[in-house]
Protein backbone atom coordinates (compact mmCIF):
# COMPACT_ATOMS: atom_id res chain seq x y z
CA UNK A 1 18.26 -21.00 1.20
CA UNK A 2 14.57 -21.60 1.94
CA UNK A 3 12.24 -18.85 3.04
CA UNK A 4 11.67 -20.58 6.37
CA UNK A 5 15.38 -20.81 7.07
CA UNK A 6 15.91 -17.18 6.07
CA UNK A 7 13.08 -16.10 8.37
CA UNK A 8 14.57 -18.06 11.26
CA UNK A 9 17.99 -16.54 10.73
CA UNK A 10 16.57 -13.02 10.55
CA UNK A 11 13.87 -13.06 13.23
CA UNK A 12 15.22 -15.70 15.64
CA UNK A 13 18.95 -15.22 15.47
CA UNK A 14 18.86 -11.46 14.88
CA UNK A 15 15.51 -10.93 16.56
CA UNK A 16 16.96 -8.56 19.15
CA UNK A 17 18.33 -6.32 16.39
CA UNK A 18 14.96 -6.19 14.64
CA UNK A 19 13.16 -5.62 17.95
CA UNK A 20 15.56 -2.84 18.94
CA UNK A 21 15.03 -0.98 15.67
CA UNK A 22 11.26 -1.50 15.92
CA UNK A 23 11.22 0.03 19.40
CA UNK A 24 13.48 2.86 18.22
CA UNK A 25 11.12 3.54 15.29
CA UNK A 26 8.12 3.67 17.60
CA UNK A 27 9.99 6.01 19.94
CA UNK A 28 10.97 8.22 17.01
CA UNK A 29 7.37 8.36 15.80
CA UNK A 30 6.19 9.31 19.27
CA UNK A 31 8.91 11.96 19.57
CA UNK A 32 8.00 13.50 16.22
CA UNK A 33 4.36 13.52 17.27
CA UNK A 34 5.11 15.27 20.57
CA UNK A 35 7.42 17.76 18.86
CA UNK A 36 5.34 18.74 15.84
CA UNK A 37 1.67 18.09 16.56
CA UNK A 38 -0.47 20.56 18.51
CA UNK A 39 -4.12 20.38 19.49
CA UNK A 40 -6.26 21.96 16.77
CA UNK A 41 -9.96 22.60 16.16
CA UNK A 42 -11.83 22.75 12.84
CA UNK A 43 -14.94 24.87 12.23
CA UNK A 44 -16.93 24.41 9.02
CA UNK A 45 -19.55 26.56 7.29
CA UNK A 46 -21.69 25.42 4.36
CA UNK A 47 -22.71 27.63 1.46
CA UNK A 48 -24.53 27.07 -1.79
CA UNK A 49 -23.27 28.45 -5.08
CA UNK A 50 -25.47 30.29 -7.54
CA UNK A 51 -26.15 29.08 -11.06
CA UNK A 52 -26.89 25.60 -12.35
CA UNK A 53 -26.12 22.36 -10.57
CA UNK A 54 -22.66 20.91 -11.45
CA UNK A 55 -22.81 18.13 -14.00
CA UNK A 56 -19.68 16.21 -12.87
CA UNK A 57 -16.97 16.11 -10.22
CA UNK A 58 -14.69 18.35 -12.28
CA UNK A 59 -17.26 21.11 -12.34
CA UNK A 60 -17.88 20.77 -8.60
CA UNK A 61 -14.13 20.86 -7.93
CA UNK A 62 -13.87 24.02 -10.02
CA UNK A 63 -16.58 25.65 -7.90
CA UNK A 64 -14.76 24.65 -4.73
CA UNK A 65 -11.51 26.01 -6.14
CA UNK A 66 -13.19 29.32 -6.95
CA UNK A 67 -14.46 29.73 -3.41
CA UNK A 68 -11.10 28.70 -1.95
CA UNK A 69 -9.32 31.21 -4.16
CA UNK A 70 -11.61 33.97 -2.89
CA UNK A 71 -11.45 32.93 0.77
CA UNK A 72 -7.68 32.45 0.96
CA UNK A 73 -6.66 35.81 -0.46
CA UNK A 74 -4.26 37.49 2.04
CA UNK A 75 -6.38 40.61 2.48
CA UNK A 76 -9.48 38.57 3.37
CA UNK A 77 -7.50 36.35 5.79
CA UNK A 78 -6.03 39.42 7.46
CA UNK A 79 -9.44 41.08 7.75
CA UNK A 80 -11.00 37.92 9.22
CA UNK A 81 -8.22 37.55 11.78
CA UNK A 82 -8.52 41.21 12.70
CA UNK A 83 -12.24 40.80 13.20
CA UNK A 84 -11.54 37.77 15.46
CA UNK A 85 -9.08 39.90 17.44
CA UNK A 86 -6.01 37.67 16.99
CA UNK A 87 -2.75 37.67 15.05
CA UNK A 88 -1.46 34.69 13.13
CA UNK A 89 1.17 33.87 10.54
CA UNK A 90 -0.81 34.40 7.32
CA UNK A 91 1.09 31.75 5.35
CA UNK A 92 0.69 29.03 8.00
CA UNK A 93 -2.89 29.98 8.76
CA UNK A 94 -3.87 29.83 5.08
CA UNK A 95 -2.85 26.14 5.00
CA UNK A 96 -5.67 25.47 7.46
CA UNK A 97 -8.36 26.94 5.15
CA UNK A 98 -9.95 24.37 2.88
CA UNK A 99 -13.06 24.03 0.69
CA UNK A 100 -14.61 20.93 -0.80
CA UNK A 101 -17.79 20.10 -2.66
CA UNK A 102 -20.36 17.75 -1.16
CA UNK A 103 -21.43 14.90 -3.41
CA UNK A 104 -20.66 16.74 -6.68
CA UNK A 105 -23.28 19.41 -5.90
CA UNK A 106 -23.26 23.18 -5.68
CA UNK A 107 -23.13 22.93 -1.88
CA UNK A 108 -19.64 23.61 -0.56
CA UNK A 109 -18.06 23.29 2.86
CA UNK A 110 -15.52 25.89 3.94
CA UNK A 111 -13.34 24.70 6.86
CA UNK A 112 -10.88 26.61 9.01
CA UNK A 113 -8.41 24.91 11.38
CA UNK A 114 -6.75 26.71 14.28
CA UNK A 115 -5.45 26.02 17.75
CA UNK A 116 -8.32 28.11 19.17
CA UNK A 117 -11.89 26.90 18.59
CA UNK A 118 -13.37 30.40 18.86
CA UNK A 119 -10.92 31.84 16.33
CA UNK A 120 -11.59 29.01 13.87
CA UNK A 121 -15.36 29.61 14.12
CA UNK A 122 -15.15 33.38 13.72
CA UNK A 123 -12.79 33.23 10.73
CA UNK A 124 -14.83 30.51 9.01
CA UNK A 125 -18.04 32.57 9.23
CA UNK A 126 -16.30 35.76 8.10
CA UNK A 127 -14.69 34.09 5.10
CA UNK A 128 -17.95 32.35 4.13
CA UNK A 129 -19.92 35.60 4.27
CA UNK A 130 -17.26 37.44 2.29
CA UNK A 131 -17.09 34.72 -0.36
CA UNK A 132 -20.90 34.77 -0.77
CA UNK A 133 -20.92 38.56 -1.15
CA UNK A 134 -18.15 38.43 -3.76
CA UNK A 135 -19.86 35.68 -5.75
CA UNK A 136 -23.18 37.54 -5.75
CA UNK A 137 -21.45 40.76 -6.80
CA UNK A 138 -19.74 38.98 -9.68
CA UNK A 139 -23.02 37.38 -10.72
CA UNK A 140 -24.93 40.69 -10.69
CA UNK A 141 -22.19 42.72 -12.33
CA UNK A 142 -23.42 42.25 -15.97
CA UNK A 143 -26.98 43.17 -14.96
CA UNK A 144 -25.75 46.18 -13.03
CA UNK A 145 -23.79 47.35 -16.04
CA UNK A 146 -26.85 46.95 -18.29
CA UNK A 147 -29.04 48.81 -15.80
CA UNK A 148 -26.51 51.63 -15.77
CA UNK A 149 -26.60 51.88 -19.54
CA UNK A 150 -30.43 51.89 -19.49
CA UNK A 151 -30.45 54.60 -16.82
CA UNK A 152 -28.24 56.74 -19.04
CA UNK A 153 -30.47 56.24 -22.07
CA UNK A 154 -33.63 56.98 -20.03
CA UNK A 155 -32.06 60.14 -18.70
CA UNK A 156 -31.05 61.23 -22.21
CA UNK A 157 -34.49 60.56 -23.73
CA UNK A 158 -36.24 62.24 -20.82
CA UNK A 159 -34.06 65.33 -21.25
CA UNK A 160 -34.84 65.44 -24.97
CA UNK A 161 -38.57 65.18 -24.32
CA UNK A 162 -38.33 67.94 -21.72
CA UNK A 163 -36.54 70.14 -24.26
CA UNK A 164 -39.26 69.56 -26.86
CA UNK A 165 -41.95 70.36 -24.31
CA UNK A 166 -40.15 73.59 -23.43
CA UNK A 167 -39.99 74.66 -27.11
CA UNK A 168 -43.66 73.81 -27.65
CA UNK A 169 -44.59 75.92 -24.65
CA UNK A 170 -42.88 78.95 -26.18
CA UNK A 171 -44.48 78.57 -29.65
CA UNK A 172 -47.88 79.49 -30.94
CA UNK A 173 -50.15 76.53 -31.74
CA UNK A 174 -50.27 77.68 -35.36
CA UNK A 175 -46.52 77.71 -35.78
CA UNK A 176 -45.31 75.50 -38.65
CA UNK A 177 -42.73 73.61 -36.36
CA UNK A 178 -45.36 72.39 -33.91
CA UNK A 179 -46.47 69.25 -35.82
CA UNK A 180 -42.85 68.11 -36.30
CA UNK A 181 -41.99 68.59 -32.63
CA UNK A 182 -45.13 66.78 -31.54
CA UNK A 183 -44.25 63.79 -33.75
CA UNK A 184 -40.68 63.69 -32.34
CA UNK A 185 -42.03 63.81 -28.80
CA UNK A 186 -44.36 60.90 -29.55
CA UNK A 187 -41.47 58.79 -30.89
CA UNK A 188 -39.25 59.65 -27.89
CA UNK A 189 -42.07 58.82 -25.52
CA UNK A 190 -42.38 55.37 -27.06
CA UNK A 191 -38.60 54.84 -26.73
CA UNK A 192 -38.73 55.98 -23.11
CA UNK A 193 -41.54 53.55 -22.37
CA UNK A 194 -39.55 50.70 -23.94
CA UNK A 195 -36.42 51.58 -21.93
CA UNK A 196 -38.36 51.80 -18.69
CA UNK A 197 -39.99 48.45 -19.38
CA UNK A 198 -36.63 46.77 -20.08
CA UNK A 199 -35.15 48.32 -16.93
CA UNK A 200 -38.00 46.93 -14.88
CA UNK A 201 -37.63 43.46 -16.44
CA UNK A 202 -33.92 43.31 -15.60
CA UNK A 203 -34.59 44.35 -12.03
CA UNK A 204 -37.28 41.68 -11.76
CA UNK A 205 -34.85 39.03 -13.07
CA UNK A 206 -32.22 40.10 -10.54
CA UNK A 207 -34.75 39.80 -7.75
CA UNK A 208 -35.89 36.36 -8.88
CA UNK A 209 -32.40 34.97 -9.56
CA UNK A 210 -30.89 32.67 -6.84
CA UNK A 211 -27.53 33.89 -5.63
CA UNK A 212 -24.91 32.28 -3.41
CA UNK A 213 -25.77 32.12 0.27
CA UNK A 214 -24.61 30.66 3.56
CA UNK A 215 -26.94 27.80 4.42
CA UNK A 216 -25.20 26.73 7.64
CA UNK A 217 -22.94 28.94 9.71
CA UNK A 218 -19.94 27.43 11.45
CA UNK A 219 -20.49 26.36 15.03
CA UNK A 220 -17.86 26.31 17.75
CA UNK A 221 -16.24 22.83 17.78
CA UNK A 222 -16.39 21.11 21.16
CA UNK A 223 -13.83 18.37 20.48
CA UNK A 224 -10.32 18.75 19.03
CA UNK A 225 -9.29 17.14 15.77
CA UNK A 226 -8.25 13.45 15.90
CA UNK A 227 -4.62 12.93 16.89
CA UNK A 228 -2.02 11.73 14.38
CA UNK A 229 -0.30 9.62 17.05
CA UNK A 230 -1.48 6.23 15.68
CA UNK A 231 -0.33 7.14 12.18
CA UNK A 232 3.01 8.49 13.43
CA UNK A 233 3.56 5.32 15.45
CA UNK A 234 2.72 3.13 12.46
CA UNK A 235 5.07 5.04 10.18
CA UNK A 236 7.86 5.09 12.77
CA UNK A 237 7.45 1.40 13.57
CA UNK A 238 7.38 0.47 9.88
CA UNK A 239 10.55 2.46 9.21
CA UNK A 240 12.27 0.89 12.22
CA UNK A 241 11.18 -2.60 11.17
CA UNK A 242 12.53 -2.09 7.64
CA UNK A 243 15.86 -0.82 8.96
CA UNK A 244 16.08 -3.62 11.52
CA UNK A 245 15.37 -6.33 8.95
CA UNK A 246 17.87 -4.74 6.54
CA UNK A 247 20.58 -4.72 9.22
CA UNK A 248 19.74 -8.29 10.23
CA UNK A 249 20.05 -9.39 6.59
CA UNK A 250 23.39 -7.59 6.33
CA UNK A 251 24.68 -9.23 9.51
CA UNK A 252 23.57 -12.66 8.34
CA UNK A 253 25.23 -12.04 5.00
CA UNK A 254 28.53 -11.06 6.59
CA UNK A 255 28.36 -13.56 9.48
CA UNK A 256 25.89 -16.35 8.66
CA UNK A 257 24.21 -18.43 11.36
CA UNK A 258 23.00 -22.01 11.16
CA UNK A 259 19.60 -22.67 12.69
CA UNK A 260 18.30 -26.14 13.40
CA UNK A 261 19.43 -29.73 12.97
CA UNK A 262 19.14 -29.86 9.17
CA UNK A 263 21.26 -26.76 8.58
CA UNK A 264 23.99 -27.97 10.95
CA UNK A 265 24.08 -31.43 9.36
CA UNK A 266 24.28 -29.97 5.87
CA UNK A 267 27.11 -27.59 6.77
CA UNK A 268 29.09 -30.14 8.80
CA UNK A 269 28.59 -33.04 6.43
CA UNK A 270 27.91 -35.31 9.38
CA UNK A 271 24.77 -36.20 11.35
CA UNK A 272 23.52 -34.62 14.55
CA UNK A 273 23.91 -37.45 17.07
CA UNK A 274 21.48 -36.05 19.60
CA UNK A 275 20.64 -33.37 22.12
CA UNK A 276 22.49 -33.22 25.42
CA UNK A 277 20.04 -33.07 28.35
CA UNK A 278 20.21 -30.02 30.52
CA UNK A 279 19.94 -31.84 33.81
CA UNK A 280 22.45 -34.39 35.03
CA UNK A 281 19.64 -36.69 36.19
CA UNK A 282 18.51 -37.46 32.64
CA UNK A 283 20.43 -40.76 32.59
CA UNK A 284 18.35 -42.39 29.87
CA UNK A 285 18.99 -39.57 27.36
CA UNK A 286 22.71 -39.52 28.21
CA UNK A 287 22.90 -43.29 27.85
CA UNK A 288 21.22 -43.14 24.42
CA UNK A 289 23.61 -40.41 23.34
CA UNK A 290 26.56 -42.49 24.55
CA UNK A 291 25.34 -45.39 22.45
CA UNK A 292 25.08 -43.24 19.32
CA UNK A 293 28.59 -41.87 19.98
CA UNK A 294 29.92 -45.41 20.28
CA UNK A 295 28.26 -46.47 17.04
CA UNK A 296 29.69 -43.46 15.20
CA UNK A 297 33.15 -44.18 16.58
CA UNK A 298 32.93 -47.84 15.55
CA UNK A 299 31.93 -46.87 12.01
CA UNK A 300 34.97 -44.57 11.87
CA UNK A 301 37.15 -47.31 13.46
CA UNK A 302 38.34 -45.12 16.30
CA UNK A 303 38.17 -45.61 20.04
CA UNK A 304 38.60 -41.97 21.07
CA UNK A 305 35.99 -39.25 20.73
CA UNK A 306 37.03 -35.64 21.29
CA UNK A 307 34.39 -33.06 22.13
CA UNK A 308 35.14 -29.60 20.70
CA UNK A 309 33.32 -26.30 20.88
CA UNK A 310 35.91 -23.59 20.30
CA UNK A 311 34.97 -21.48 23.30
CA UNK A 312 33.85 -23.54 26.28
CA UNK A 313 35.44 -26.18 28.49
CA UNK A 314 33.55 -29.39 27.79
CA UNK A 315 35.12 -31.53 30.51
CA UNK A 316 31.83 -31.88 32.38
CA UNK A 317 30.06 -32.96 29.20
CA UNK A 318 32.75 -35.50 28.40
CA UNK A 319 32.59 -36.87 31.94
CA UNK A 320 28.82 -37.34 31.74
CA UNK A 321 29.05 -39.17 28.41
CA UNK A 322 32.02 -41.30 29.47
CA UNK A 323 30.41 -42.40 32.73
CA UNK A 324 27.10 -43.37 31.06
CA UNK A 325 27.13 -47.20 30.85
CA UNK A 326 24.27 -49.59 30.55
CA UNK A 327 23.91 -52.49 32.94
CA UNK A 328 25.81 -55.57 31.73
CA UNK A 329 27.42 -53.68 28.86
CA UNK A 330 30.99 -54.77 29.61
CA UNK A 331 32.40 -57.29 27.19
CA UNK A 332 35.88 -58.55 26.58
CA UNK A 333 35.39 -58.45 22.84
CA UNK A 334 34.18 -54.85 22.83
CA UNK A 335 36.96 -52.29 22.33
CA UNK A 336 37.62 -49.55 24.84
CA UNK A 337 35.62 -46.37 24.16
CA UNK A 338 36.90 -43.01 25.46
CA UNK A 339 35.18 -39.62 25.44
CA UNK A 340 37.45 -36.65 26.11
CA UNK A 341 37.21 -32.89 25.93
CA UNK A 342 39.54 -30.75 23.84
CA UNK A 343 41.78 -29.20 26.49
CA UNK A 344 44.49 -26.66 25.56
CA UNK A 345 48.01 -27.99 26.07
CA UNK A 346 47.33 -31.71 25.63
CA UNK A 347 48.07 -33.91 22.64
CA UNK A 348 45.63 -36.04 20.71
CA UNK A 349 45.88 -39.17 18.60
CA UNK A 350 45.48 -38.36 14.86
CA UNK A 351 42.86 -41.09 14.31
CA UNK A 352 40.47 -39.74 16.92
CA UNK A 353 36.92 -38.72 16.08
CA UNK A 354 35.81 -35.12 16.51
CA UNK A 355 32.33 -34.27 17.77
CA UNK A 356 31.22 -30.64 17.71
CA UNK A 357 29.09 -29.57 20.68
CA UNK A 358 27.09 -26.52 19.68
CA UNK A 359 23.73 -24.88 20.42
CA UNK A 360 20.86 -25.19 17.89
CA UNK A 361 21.83 -21.74 16.60
CA UNK A 362 25.52 -21.62 15.82
CA UNK A 363 27.65 -19.28 13.68
CA UNK A 364 28.73 -20.83 10.41
CA UNK A 365 32.36 -19.99 11.05
CA UNK A 366 32.32 -22.36 14.07
CA UNK A 367 31.45 -25.30 11.81
CA UNK A 368 34.06 -24.16 9.30
CA UNK A 369 36.70 -24.14 12.07
CA UNK A 370 35.76 -27.71 12.93
CA UNK A 371 36.10 -28.76 9.28
CA UNK A 372 39.52 -27.08 9.03
CA UNK A 373 40.55 -28.84 12.25
CA UNK A 374 39.61 -32.23 10.86
CA UNK A 375 41.26 -31.59 7.50
CA UNK A 376 44.50 -30.24 8.96
CA UNK A 377 45.00 -32.79 11.75
CA UNK A 378 43.57 -35.96 10.25
CA UNK A 379 40.58 -36.29 12.56
CA UNK A 380 37.32 -38.00 11.69
CA UNK A 381 34.22 -35.76 11.85
CA UNK A 382 31.78 -38.00 13.67
CA UNK A 383 28.96 -35.49 13.94
CA UNK A 384 27.51 -32.92 16.29
CA UNK A 385 25.76 -32.82 19.65
CA UNK A 386 23.25 -30.08 20.27
CA UNK A 387 23.35 -28.45 23.65
CA UNK A 388 20.59 -26.03 24.73
CA UNK A 389 21.75 -22.44 24.90
CA UNK A 390 22.56 -21.28 28.39
CA UNK A 391 20.89 -17.94 28.81
CA UNK A 392 22.85 -16.99 31.88
CA UNK A 393 26.57 -17.67 31.97
CA UNK A 394 29.10 -16.77 34.59
CA UNK A 395 31.10 -13.97 33.05
CA UNK A 396 34.27 -14.93 34.93
CA UNK A 397 34.24 -18.43 33.49
CA UNK A 398 33.48 -17.17 29.96
CA UNK A 399 36.38 -14.70 30.07
CA UNK A 400 38.70 -17.40 31.41
CA UNK A 401 37.86 -19.76 28.55
CA UNK A 402 38.30 -17.00 25.95
CA UNK A 403 41.73 -16.17 27.32
CA UNK A 404 42.85 -19.79 27.16
CA UNK A 405 41.80 -20.22 23.52
CA UNK A 406 42.53 -16.70 22.35
CA UNK A 407 44.58 -18.01 19.43
CA UNK A 408 43.28 -20.37 16.82
CA UNK A 409 43.59 -23.90 18.26
CA UNK A 410 45.91 -26.38 16.62
CA UNK A 411 46.12 -30.11 17.14
CA UNK A 412 49.36 -31.64 18.34
CA UNK A 413 49.76 -35.16 17.02
CA UNK A 414 51.78 -37.78 18.86
CA UNK A 415 54.49 -39.54 16.85
CA UNK A 416 53.67 -42.90 18.33
CA UNK A 417 50.80 -44.87 16.95
CA UNK A 418 48.81 -44.96 20.19
CA UNK A 419 46.92 -42.01 21.68
CA UNK A 420 48.41 -40.60 24.85
CA UNK A 421 45.53 -38.27 25.69
CA UNK A 422 42.94 -36.40 23.69
CA UNK A 423 43.26 -32.63 23.72
CA UNK A 424 43.80 -29.39 21.87
CA UNK A 425 46.80 -27.14 22.26
CA UNK A 426 46.74 -23.40 21.76
């Protein structure tokens, strides 16, 4: 089966099924959107990290992860919400806190999403300020520890010098211990000077070092976040389209449909003789179709053509084709040509020709029934006539025809050699 034929069978024959599932998918996507999505606002603050500039995206991502880990701790989230004067589910609210690096640099953006623009702004600024304070405290912690150790040493040396000075004040200048104590005091004074100098250098380095800071506080967002409705509709429509096509393929696999002249000719094993005009005034088309029917009957050496559909009463079609005669077409040498409709309850000559009257899209089982009819009753398959599909049918007439041919039609063959009348019997 060609791709074009498969596409016609899926999208033309089962197009309503695909369309119904597509509409259902779009409706489902819209329903999910209305049920789950709420209007949210996002406030973002920018801060710069201390230290050297990141060398690659991995380093920048690590910095962003560090800030996110600090900002999303439950105690900080709770404190920020309390400061904003609201209560939220901590777990759900934390999912709306995000950090990302900008262009692989040490500049980070901390974003907070909430249904209230004021709450999102307040929490974003609180978390950014807290993260900066924590980062600076961690950066200064080694220096603070070293300054503490130096303060202890300075205090100890100063106390020792004070003790020596107190002993020297109590002694006579000529005492033998005075030179030794003076030398010790000189050494301790030098140590104290060195410690004080180092303490001052560390303090100077701490003052000159660049720490983390907030470079842009979060402003109150004026517009809500973009809606997910287009994405939900696309996903829903895509899912519906896939399901619709899958069901259409399944239906065509279980109950195939023939589409077009070529497919009908290939399945029937006989040519399509023509297309029956819709209007009764199209005499030229009917006359041409009558001529092709006559030629097919002459090739099969039969004078009777039976029109069969399986569902509908084709008496009106047979009457139109039978009454179509060209001017001056009567000839004594030309055999009699009869076009009849398959009518339940009437007999048919076994050497009649069968013509299937079907729409351009016909179920395969209808053609198979015609083949079984010809094989079982000795009829000649002359071909098919295409009749445009009637979009609006009278339900009463359709039900009446279905009741008359409820059982599988069989052909009753006359014992005599001549045809009495052409028909089907139920």
